[in-house]
Amino acid sequence: MSMQAPDDQVLLETAQNDPENVDIDAVVALLDAEQGQVRTTALQCLRVVAADDPGRVAAVSDSVIERLDDEFPVVGSIATAVLAPVADEHPDAVRPALPLLVDKLDEHPPQTGHRAVRALTPLLEADPTELVPAADALLDVVADPPAVWAPESAELRERPSEQRDAITDLLASRRDEIAKDRARVNGIREFAAHALVEVTATAPDAIADRLDELSPALSNDPPLARAATIDAIANVAADNPTAATPTVNALIDRLADDAEFVRAHAVRALGFAEATDAIRPLRELADEGDDEFHDLAEETADWLAERTDWSAD
């Protein structure tokens, strides 16, 4: 006598083989099941359907959003993944989830945060002002994104041989996943930094009193995130130069960044910050070449010098 497959497994099999014929109402009913595994399977089903036809899941998005703060992290993570394709075509259906999605950006492991980035990106593109209330949370992510655990060689040498061998084996088995997690963290940091640029473009005072916390992030990878973080500072400085004073030394350090476009963004930010301490390093940078970038450094140094003269008068 054969055992009948549970309803959730039947629905998942249908979704994988014939997503158009999935009974969405039946799947949604399982989202309130007591067993976390059943809720997980139901969301996996909706994820497949959403990839095939986002509109069908958009119609029940409220039920998915309710599972974002599920007591089981894996349920919340898959719910986040469900919302990503829905947000691409139906951002209004996902918009109520915005605060919860932002909160997921710094979750461990970073796979959930990376899924949140995919769901949040269409919302940011549609209306950046809606992320203004999340400015502090975005700054927290830029300053302290989720970490990827991988011990340094020195740390391994200090451990007993059995632990060292076990950790080495674990790292070997997770090498690909660790690489993916590092890429995810870079994507999370880049999104949060770009979101801060959009937020500060319309509400520069939203993070004005916390700019000093961004200084360490100016040396973090990837370069696009560094440049975006500098632009967020520049937006604040354009409105309130004094607010950017705590970041001036870190901005000057970026004049030696490996990426020229990061150096260019730093030059611009130092100008908005009216950073007279940057006149000499800007002139030194200008002397290193003869193109538009080095001309910008010289022009900025000249402008800052004029500002100094005006102040003296």
Protein backbone atom coordinates (compact mmCIF):
# COMPACT_ATOMS: atom_id res chain seq x y z
CA MET A 1 0.00 0.00 0.00
CA SER A 2 1.54 3.31 -1.10
CA MET A 3 1.67 6.34 1.13
CA GLN A 4 -0.04 9.48 -0.18
CA ALA A 5 2.21 12.52 -0.46
CA PRO A 6 1.36 15.43 1.86
CA ASP A 7 -0.66 18.26 0.30
CA ASP A 8 2.29 20.68 0.38
CA GLN A 9 4.54 18.25 -1.48
CA VAL A 10 1.87 17.64 -4.11
CA LEU A 11 1.50 21.37 -4.63
CA LEU A 12 5.26 21.85 -4.91
CA GLU A 13 5.50 19.06 -7.48
CA THR A 14 2.70 20.70 -9.46
CA ALA A 15 4.44 24.07 -9.28
CA GLN A 16 7.70 22.61 -10.55
CA ASN A 17 6.05 20.73 -13.42
CA ASP A 18 3.03 22.87 -14.27
CA PRO A 19 3.04 26.22 -12.41
CA GLU A 20 0.02 27.52 -14.32
CA ASN A 21 -2.20 24.89 -12.67
CA VAL A 22 -1.17 25.55 -9.09
CA ASP A 23 -4.10 26.27 -6.77
CA ILE A 24 -2.83 29.51 -5.21
CA ASP A 25 -5.56 29.58 -2.56
CA ALA A 26 -4.55 26.11 -1.40
CA VAL A 27 -0.92 27.19 -1.15
CA VAL A 28 -1.76 30.35 0.79
CA ALA A 29 -3.80 28.29 3.26
CA LEU A 30 -0.63 26.34 4.09
CA LEU A 31 1.22 29.52 5.07
CA ASP A 32 -0.59 29.35 8.41
CA ALA A 33 0.37 25.74 9.07
CA GLU A 34 1.88 24.97 12.47
CA GLN A 35 4.82 23.10 10.97
CA GLY A 36 7.61 25.34 9.75
CA GLN A 37 8.53 22.85 7.03
CA VAL A 38 5.02 23.06 5.57
CA ARG A 39 5.22 26.87 5.48
CA THR A 40 8.62 26.56 3.85
CA THR A 41 7.32 24.24 1.15
CA ALA A 42 4.32 26.49 0.49
CA LEU A 43 6.63 29.47 -0.04
CA GLN A 44 8.90 27.41 -2.29
CA CYS A 45 5.80 26.68 -4.34
CA LEU A 46 4.90 30.37 -4.54
CA ARG A 47 8.46 31.19 -5.53
CA VAL A 48 8.20 28.92 -8.56
CA VAL A 49 4.82 30.39 -9.49
CA ALA A 50 6.12 33.95 -9.07
CA ALA A 51 8.97 33.24 -11.47
CA ASP A 52 6.43 32.01 -14.02
CA ASP A 53 3.68 34.63 -13.43
CA PRO A 54 4.45 37.35 -10.84
CA GLY A 55 0.93 38.73 -11.07
CA ARG A 56 -0.64 35.63 -9.55
CA VAL A 57 1.54 35.95 -6.45
CA ALA A 58 1.15 39.73 -6.34
CA ALA A 59 -2.53 39.12 -5.68
CA VAL A 60 -1.64 37.28 -2.44
CA SER A 61 1.44 39.34 -1.53
CA ASP A 62 0.00 40.31 1.88
CA SER A 63 0.10 36.67 2.95
CA VAL A 64 3.71 36.36 1.83
CA ILE A 65 4.70 39.57 3.60
CA GLU A 66 3.26 38.22 6.85
CA ARG A 67 5.83 35.42 6.72
CA LEU A 68 8.83 37.77 6.45
CA ASP A 69 9.16 37.84 10.25
CA ASP A 70 8.36 34.14 10.70
CA GLU A 71 9.87 32.53 13.79
CA PHE A 72 11.86 30.24 11.48
CA PRO A 73 14.54 32.24 9.61
CA VAL A 74 14.43 29.97 6.56
CA VAL A 75 10.74 30.77 6.12
CA GLY A 76 11.43 34.50 6.21
CA SER A 77 14.31 34.07 3.77
CA ILE A 78 12.22 32.20 1.21
CA ALA A 79 9.38 34.71 1.62
CA THR A 80 11.92 37.39 0.70
CA ALA A 81 12.90 35.41 -2.39
CA VAL A 82 9.24 35.11 -3.39
CA LEU A 83 8.81 38.90 -3.34
CA ALA A 84 11.81 39.62 -5.61
CA PRO A 85 10.21 38.70 -8.97
CA VAL A 86 6.91 40.20 -7.84
CA ALA A 87 8.58 43.55 -7.12
CA ASP A 88 9.99 43.71 -10.65
CA GLU A 89 6.54 43.86 -12.24
CA HIS A 90 4.25 44.80 -9.35
CA PRO A 91 6.17 47.07 -6.95
CA ASP A 92 2.97 48.31 -5.34
CA ALA A 93 2.25 44.79 -4.08
CA VAL A 94 5.62 44.64 -2.31
CA ARG A 95 5.80 48.23 -1.06
CA PRO A 96 4.17 47.46 2.35
CA ALA A 97 7.09 45.11 3.04
CA LEU A 98 9.74 47.81 2.61
CA PRO A 99 10.69 48.23 6.32
CA LEU A 100 10.88 44.47 6.88
CA LEU A 101 12.99 43.99 3.76
CA VAL A 102 15.44 46.70 4.83
CA ASP A 103 15.76 44.96 8.21
CA LYS A 104 16.80 41.79 6.40
CA LEU A 105 19.77 43.40 4.66
CA ASP A 106 22.11 42.64 7.55
CA GLU A 107 20.82 39.17 8.41
CA HIS A 108 23.19 36.21 8.65
CA PRO A 109 23.86 34.42 6.40
CA PRO A 110 23.88 37.10 3.70
CA GLN A 111 21.77 35.09 1.26
CA THR A 112 18.62 36.57 2.82
CA GLY A 113 19.98 40.11 2.57
CA HIS A 114 20.88 39.53 -1.06
CA ARG A 115 17.32 38.38 -1.72
CA ALA A 116 16.08 41.53 0.01
CA VAL A 117 18.24 43.62 -2.33
CA ARG A 118 16.49 42.06 -5.31
CA ALA A 119 13.08 42.88 -3.84
CA LEU A 120 14.05 46.40 -2.77
CA THR A 121 15.76 47.54 -5.95
CA PRO A 122 12.53 48.07 -7.95
CA LEU A 123 11.07 49.99 -5.01
CA LEU A 124 14.12 52.25 -4.87
CA GLU A 125 13.92 52.86 -8.61
CA ALA A 126 10.18 53.60 -8.46
CA ASP A 127 10.30 56.12 -5.60
CA PRO A 128 13.54 56.71 -3.64
CA THR A 129 11.77 58.98 -1.16
CA GLU A 130 10.02 55.97 0.34
CA LEU A 131 13.37 54.82 1.73
CA VAL A 132 13.99 58.06 3.62
CA PRO A 133 12.53 56.61 6.85
CA ALA A 134 15.01 53.73 6.47
CA ALA A 135 18.05 56.05 6.25
CA ASP A 136 19.49 55.00 9.62
CA ALA A 137 19.08 51.30 8.85
CA LEU A 138 20.75 51.74 5.47
CA LEU A 139 23.66 53.58 7.07
CA ASP A 140 24.02 50.72 9.57
CA VAL A 141 24.33 48.26 6.69
CA VAL A 142 26.93 50.35 4.88
CA ALA A 143 28.96 50.80 8.05
CA ASP A 144 28.60 47.23 9.31
CA PRO A 145 27.32 44.76 6.70
CA PRO A 146 26.88 41.05 7.43
CA ALA A 147 30.21 39.30 7.76
CA VAL A 148 31.38 36.17 5.98
CA TRP A 149 33.17 33.87 8.40
CA ALA A 150 36.46 32.49 7.14
CA PRO A 151 39.38 32.29 9.62
CA GLU A 152 42.72 33.81 8.72
CA SER A 153 45.79 31.58 8.45
CA ALA A 154 47.20 32.98 11.70
CA GLU A 155 43.98 32.11 13.51
CA LEU A 156 44.14 28.53 12.24
CA ARG A 157 47.73 28.11 13.41
CA GLU A 158 46.73 29.05 16.95
CA ARG A 159 44.12 26.29 17.21
CA PRO A 160 44.71 22.68 18.30
CA SER A 161 45.54 20.38 15.40
CA GLU A 162 42.19 18.54 15.51
CA GLN A 163 40.25 21.80 15.33
CA ARG A 164 42.55 23.13 12.65
CA ASP A 165 42.02 20.06 10.47
CA ALA A 166 38.25 20.14 11.01
CA ILE A 167 38.03 23.83 10.12
CA THR A 168 40.24 23.33 7.06
CA ASP A 169 37.98 20.53 5.85
CA LEU A 170 34.90 22.66 6.48
CA LEU A 171 36.33 25.58 4.56
CA ALA A 172 37.27 23.32 1.67
CA SER A 173 33.72 21.98 1.48
CA ARG A 174 32.24 25.49 1.69
CA ARG A 175 34.72 27.26 -0.58
CA ASP A 176 32.18 27.97 -3.31
CA GLU A 177 29.51 29.05 -0.82
CA ILE A 178 31.96 31.36 0.96
CA ALA A 179 32.80 32.98 -2.39
CA LYS A 180 29.09 33.43 -3.09
CA ASP A 181 28.53 34.93 0.36
CA ARG A 182 31.33 37.43 -0.18
CA ALA A 183 29.78 38.46 -3.49
CA ARG A 184 26.39 38.75 -1.77
CA VAL A 185 27.83 40.99 0.95
CA ASN A 186 29.38 43.22 -1.70
CA GLY A 187 26.01 43.43 -3.43
CA ILE A 188 24.26 44.28 -0.17
CA ARG A 189 26.78 46.99 0.68
CA GLU A 190 26.56 48.41 -2.84
CA PHE A 191 22.77 48.54 -2.76
CA ALA A 192 22.65 50.17 0.68
CA ALA A 193 25.21 52.78 -0.36
CA HIS A 194 23.34 53.61 -3.57
CA ALA A 195 20.10 53.79 -1.61
CA LEU A 196 21.74 56.29 0.75
CA VAL A 197 22.73 58.38 -2.26
CA GLU A 198 19.10 58.51 -3.39
CA VAL A 199 17.88 59.22 0.15
CA THR A 200 20.36 62.03 0.78
CA ALA A 201 19.59 63.58 -2.59
CA THR A 202 16.12 64.46 -1.30
CA ALA A 203 16.69 64.43 2.47
CA PRO A 204 20.34 65.35 3.15
CA ASP A 205 19.64 65.88 6.85
CA ALA A 206 18.47 62.29 7.29
CA ILE A 207 21.98 61.08 8.19
CA ALA A 208 23.80 64.40 8.70
CA ASP A 209 24.48 63.70 12.36
CA ARG A 210 25.94 60.24 11.67
CA LEU A 211 28.37 60.89 8.81
CA ASP A 212 31.38 60.13 11.02
CA GLU A 213 30.22 56.50 11.14
CA LEU A 214 30.73 56.22 7.38
CA SER A 215 34.45 57.01 7.44
CA PRO A 216 35.61 53.38 7.91
CA ALA A 217 33.28 52.26 5.10
CA LEU A 218 35.18 54.43 2.62
CA SER A 219 37.89 51.78 2.46
CA ASN A 220 35.56 48.80 2.08
CA ASP A 221 35.01 46.78 -1.08
CA PRO A 222 33.58 46.91 -3.64
CA PRO A 223 34.79 50.16 -5.24
CA LEU A 224 31.27 51.00 -6.45
CA ALA A 225 30.10 50.95 -2.83
CA ARG A 226 32.97 53.24 -1.81
CA ALA A 227 32.07 55.69 -4.55
CA ALA A 228 28.38 55.63 -3.61
CA THR A 229 29.17 56.14 0.07
CA ILE A 230 31.30 59.15 -0.89
CA ASP A 231 28.40 60.49 -2.97
CA ALA A 232 26.05 60.21 0.01
CA ILE A 233 28.53 62.26 2.03
CA ALA A 234 28.76 64.75 -0.84
CA ASN A 235 24.98 65.15 -0.90
CA VAL A 236 24.96 65.97 2.80
CA ALA A 237 27.96 68.29 2.42
CA ALA A 238 26.30 70.18 -0.42
CA ASP A 239 23.52 71.07 1.99
CA ASN A 240 25.64 71.39 5.14
CA PRO A 241 29.43 71.42 4.63
CA THR A 242 30.14 71.35 8.36
CA ALA A 243 28.32 68.05 8.76
CA ALA A 244 30.94 66.39 6.54
CA THR A 245 33.92 67.65 8.54
CA PRO A 246 34.37 64.34 10.46
CA THR A 247 34.81 62.51 7.14
CA VAL A 248 37.41 64.83 5.57
CA ASN A 249 40.46 62.78 6.54
CA ALA A 250 38.88 59.59 5.22
CA LEU A 251 37.95 61.41 2.00
CA ILE A 252 41.53 62.66 1.59
CA ASP A 253 42.72 59.06 1.95
CA ARG A 254 40.49 58.14 -1.01
CA LEU A 255 42.49 60.48 -3.22
CA ALA A 256 44.94 57.57 -3.38
CA ASP A 257 42.27 54.93 -4.07
CA ASP A 258 43.14 52.19 -6.55
CA ALA A 259 40.03 53.06 -8.60
CA GLU A 260 40.27 56.39 -10.41
CA PHE A 261 36.51 56.89 -10.38
CA VAL A 262 36.57 56.62 -6.58
CA ARG A 263 39.28 59.28 -6.47
CA ALA A 264 37.13 61.51 -8.69
CA HIS A 265 34.14 61.11 -6.38
CA ALA A 266 36.37 61.98 -3.40
CA VAL A 267 37.56 65.17 -5.12
CA ARG A 268 33.96 66.25 -5.65
CA ALA A 269 32.98 65.46 -2.05
CA LEU A 270 35.93 67.39 -0.65
CA GLY A 271 34.81 70.40 -2.61
CA PHE A 272 31.28 70.23 -1.24
CA ALA A 273 32.72 69.76 2.25
CA GLU A 274 34.77 72.93 1.79
CA ALA A 275 37.71 70.94 3.09
CA THR A 276 40.58 73.38 3.06
CA ASP A 277 42.81 70.70 4.59
CA ALA A 278 42.58 68.95 1.23
CA ILE A 279 44.16 71.77 -0.79
CA ARG A 280 47.70 70.38 -0.68
CA PRO A 281 46.79 66.71 -1.41
CA LEU A 282 44.51 67.88 -4.21
CA ARG A 283 47.34 69.88 -5.77
CA GLU A 284 49.66 66.88 -5.43
CA LEU A 285 47.05 64.75 -7.18
CA ALA A 286 46.64 67.37 -9.92
CA ASP A 287 50.38 67.29 -10.58
CA GLU A 288 50.27 63.56 -11.32
CA GLY A 289 48.56 63.88 -14.69
CA ASP A 290 47.07 66.10 -17.37
CA ASP A 291 43.49 65.05 -18.10
CA GLU A 292 39.95 65.96 -17.01
CA PHE A 293 40.28 64.11 -13.70
CA HIS A 294 43.50 65.86 -12.71
CA ASP A 295 42.10 69.17 -13.95
CA LEU A 296 39.14 68.64 -11.62
CA ALA A 297 41.52 68.13 -8.70
CA GLU A 298 43.34 71.37 -9.55
CA GLU A 299 40.11 73.33 -10.00
CA THR A 300 38.80 72.06 -6.68
CA ALA A 301 42.06 73.01 -4.93
CA ASP A 302 41.90 76.48 -6.47
CA TRP A 303 38.29 76.93 -5.41
CA LEU A 304 39.06 75.83 -1.85
CA ALA A 305 42.01 78.21 -1.74
CA GLU A 306 39.74 81.05 -2.81
CA ARG A 307 37.30 80.09 -0.07
CA THR A 308 40.18 80.30 2.41
CA ASP A 309 41.09 83.78 1.13
CA TRP A 310 37.49 84.93 1.43
CA SER A 311 37.34 83.66 4.99
CA ALA A 312 40.55 85.51 5.83
CA ASP A 313 39.09 88.74 4.48
